[in-house]
Amino acid sequence: MNQLTWSSIVTLVYKNSAGLYHPIPGNIADDYIKAGIYKEPSRKFPHTHTKPLRNPKFARYLLDNDITLAKELGIKDMK
């Protein structure tokens, strides 16, 4: 399956003082999260914004929108 690993996702998100993960403003993960309908992270579910980044749809979005970063993160084009 062509998707990001946790170590790659950590480069696209930050953890705030409450322990909640948010995408770094201005990067491609932030654009992807804003384009989708995702709930804000809460103390009970701090990884709400990291889960969509772990699926193959985000890998495809990354390949279509920023091929250089996709290759850096180890995503291969499977067309």
C-alpha atoms as a PDB file:
ATOM      1  CA  MET A   1       0.000   0.000   0.000  1.00  0.00           C
ATOM      2  CA  ASN A   2       1.310   3.427  -0.915  1.00  0.00           C
ATOM      3  CA  GLN A   3       0.938   5.616   2.179  1.00  0.00           C
ATOM      4  CA  LEU A   4       3.012   7.670   4.582  1.00  0.00           C
ATOM      5  CA  THR A   5       4.703   6.250   7.637  1.00  0.00           C
ATOM      6  CA  TRP A   6       4.351   7.844  11.061  1.00  0.00           C
ATOM      7  CA  SER A   7       7.914   9.219  10.851  1.00  0.00           C
ATOM      8  CA  SER A   8       6.962  11.037   7.627  1.00  0.00           C
ATOM      9  CA  ILE A   9       3.724  12.378   9.073  1.00  0.00           C
ATOM     10  CA  VAL A  10       5.576  13.869  12.035  1.00  0.00           C
ATOM     11  CA  THR A  11       7.373  16.196   9.597  1.00  0.00           C
ATOM     12  CA  LEU A  12       3.996  17.586   8.439  1.00  0.00           C
ATOM     13  CA  VAL A  13       2.326  18.143  11.833  1.00  0.00           C
ATOM     14  CA  TYR A  14       3.118  19.690  15.193  1.00  0.00           C
ATOM     15  CA  LYS A  15       2.004  18.792  18.692  1.00  0.00           C
ATOM     16  CA  ASN A  16       0.682  21.696  20.751  1.00  0.00           C
ATOM     17  CA  SER A  17       1.008  22.117  24.530  1.00  0.00           C
ATOM     18  CA  ALA A  18      -2.249  20.192  25.082  1.00  0.00           C
ATOM     19  CA  GLY A  19      -0.847  17.195  23.165  1.00  0.00           C
ATOM     20  CA  LEU A  20      -3.071  17.683  20.109  1.00  0.00           C
ATOM     21  CA  TYR A  21      -1.679  17.184  16.610  1.00  0.00           C
ATOM     22  CA  HIS A  22      -2.311  19.883  13.992  1.00  0.00           C
ATOM     23  CA  PRO A  23      -0.870  20.279  10.470  1.00  0.00           C
ATOM     24  CA  ILE A  24       1.873  22.863  10.179  1.00  0.00           C
ATOM     25  CA  PRO A  25       0.245  26.016   8.735  1.00  0.00           C
ATOM     26  CA  GLY A  26       1.015  26.631   5.082  1.00  0.00           C
ATOM     27  CA  ASN A  27       2.150  23.140   4.114  1.00  0.00           C
ATOM     28  CA  ILE A  28       0.358  20.623   1.910  1.00  0.00           C
ATOM     29  CA  ALA A  29      -1.045  18.672   4.867  1.00  0.00           C
ATOM     30  CA  ASP A  30      -2.721  21.853   6.119  1.00  0.00           C
ATOM     31  CA  ASP A  31      -4.297  22.397   2.688  1.00  0.00           C
ATOM     32  CA  TYR A  32      -5.532  18.777   2.615  1.00  0.00           C
ATOM     33  CA  ILE A  33      -7.062  18.965   6.104  1.00  0.00           C
ATOM     34  CA  LYS A  34      -8.753  22.300   5.348  1.00  0.00           C
ATOM     35  CA  ALA A  35     -10.200  20.930   2.094  1.00  0.00           C
ATOM     36  CA  GLY A  36     -11.756  17.944   3.861  1.00  0.00           C
ATOM     37  CA  ILE A  37     -14.373  17.853   6.571  1.00  0.00           C
ATOM     38  CA  TYR A  38     -12.418  16.772   9.639  1.00  0.00           C
ATOM     39  CA  LYS A  39     -13.268  17.454  13.264  1.00  0.00           C
ATOM     40  CA  GLU A  40     -10.840  19.425  15.376  1.00  0.00           C
ATOM     41  CA  PRO A  41      -8.602  17.304  17.620  1.00  0.00           C
ATOM     42  CA  SER A  42      -9.691  16.922  21.228  1.00  0.00           C
ATOM     43  CA  ARG A  43      -8.021  15.530  24.327  1.00  0.00           C
ATOM     44  CA  LYS A  44      -9.889  12.276  23.788  1.00  0.00           C
ATOM     45  CA  PHE A  45      -8.893  12.077  20.097  1.00  0.00           C
ATOM     46  CA  PRO A  46      -5.566  13.956  19.672  1.00  0.00           C
ATOM     47  CA  HIS A  47      -4.695  12.244  16.361  1.00  0.00           C
ATOM     48  CA  THR A  48      -7.803  13.408  14.468  1.00  0.00           C
ATOM     49  CA  HIS A  49      -5.710  15.323  11.916  1.00  0.00           C
ATOM     50  CA  THR A  50      -3.018  12.662  11.503  1.00  0.00           C
ATOM     51  CA  LYS A  51      -5.360   9.819  10.525  1.00  0.00           C
ATOM     52  CA  PRO A  52      -6.339  11.297   7.127  1.00  0.00           C
ATOM     53  CA  LEU A  53      -2.631  11.763   6.350  1.00  0.00           C
ATOM     54  CA  ARG A  54      -2.017   8.020   6.802  1.00  0.00           C
ATOM     55  CA  ASN A  55      -4.339   6.839   4.035  1.00  0.00           C
ATOM     56  CA  PRO A  56      -3.569   6.212   0.354  1.00  0.00           C
ATOM     57  CA  LYS A  57      -5.828   9.114  -0.704  1.00  0.00           C
ATOM     58  CA  PHE A  58      -3.399  11.587   0.877  1.00  0.00           C
ATOM     59  CA  ALA A  59      -0.475   9.840  -0.827  1.00  0.00           C
ATOM     60  CA  ARG A  60      -2.240  10.307  -4.172  1.00  0.00           C
ATOM     61  CA  TYR A  61      -3.018  13.967  -3.295  1.00  0.00           C
ATOM     62  CA  LEU A  62       0.645  14.472  -2.431  1.00  0.00           C
ATOM     63  CA  LEU A  63       1.792  12.946  -5.725  1.00  0.00           C
ATOM     64  CA  ASP A  64      -0.635  15.110  -7.686  1.00  0.00           C
ATOM     65  CA  ASN A  65       0.218  18.372  -5.906  1.00  0.00           C
ATOM     66  CA  ASP A  66       3.840  18.168  -4.703  1.00  0.00           C
ATOM     67  CA  ILE A  67       5.796  15.386  -6.380  1.00  0.00           C
ATOM     68  CA  THR A  68       9.111  16.553  -4.910  1.00  0.00           C
ATOM     69  CA  LEU A  69       7.874  16.225  -1.326  1.00  0.00           C
ATOM     70  CA  ALA A  70       6.166  12.925  -2.172  1.00  0.00           C
ATOM     71  CA  LYS A  71       9.458  11.471  -3.387  1.00  0.00           C
ATOM     72  CA  GLU A  72      11.263  12.846  -0.324  1.00  0.00           C
ATOM     73  CA  LEU A  73       8.752  11.059   1.903  1.00  0.00           C
ATOM     74  CA  GLY A  74       9.102   7.793  -0.028  1.00  0.00           C
ATOM     75  CA  ILE A  75       5.831   7.799  -1.977  1.00  0.00           C
ATOM     76  CA  LYS A  76       6.183   6.109  -5.356  1.00  0.00           C
ATOM     77  CA  ASP A  77       3.960   6.817  -8.330  1.00  0.00           C
ATOM     78  CA  MET A  78       1.951   3.658  -8.995  1.00  0.00           C
ATOM     79  CA  LYS A  79       0.181   4.783 -12.218  1.00  0.00           C
END
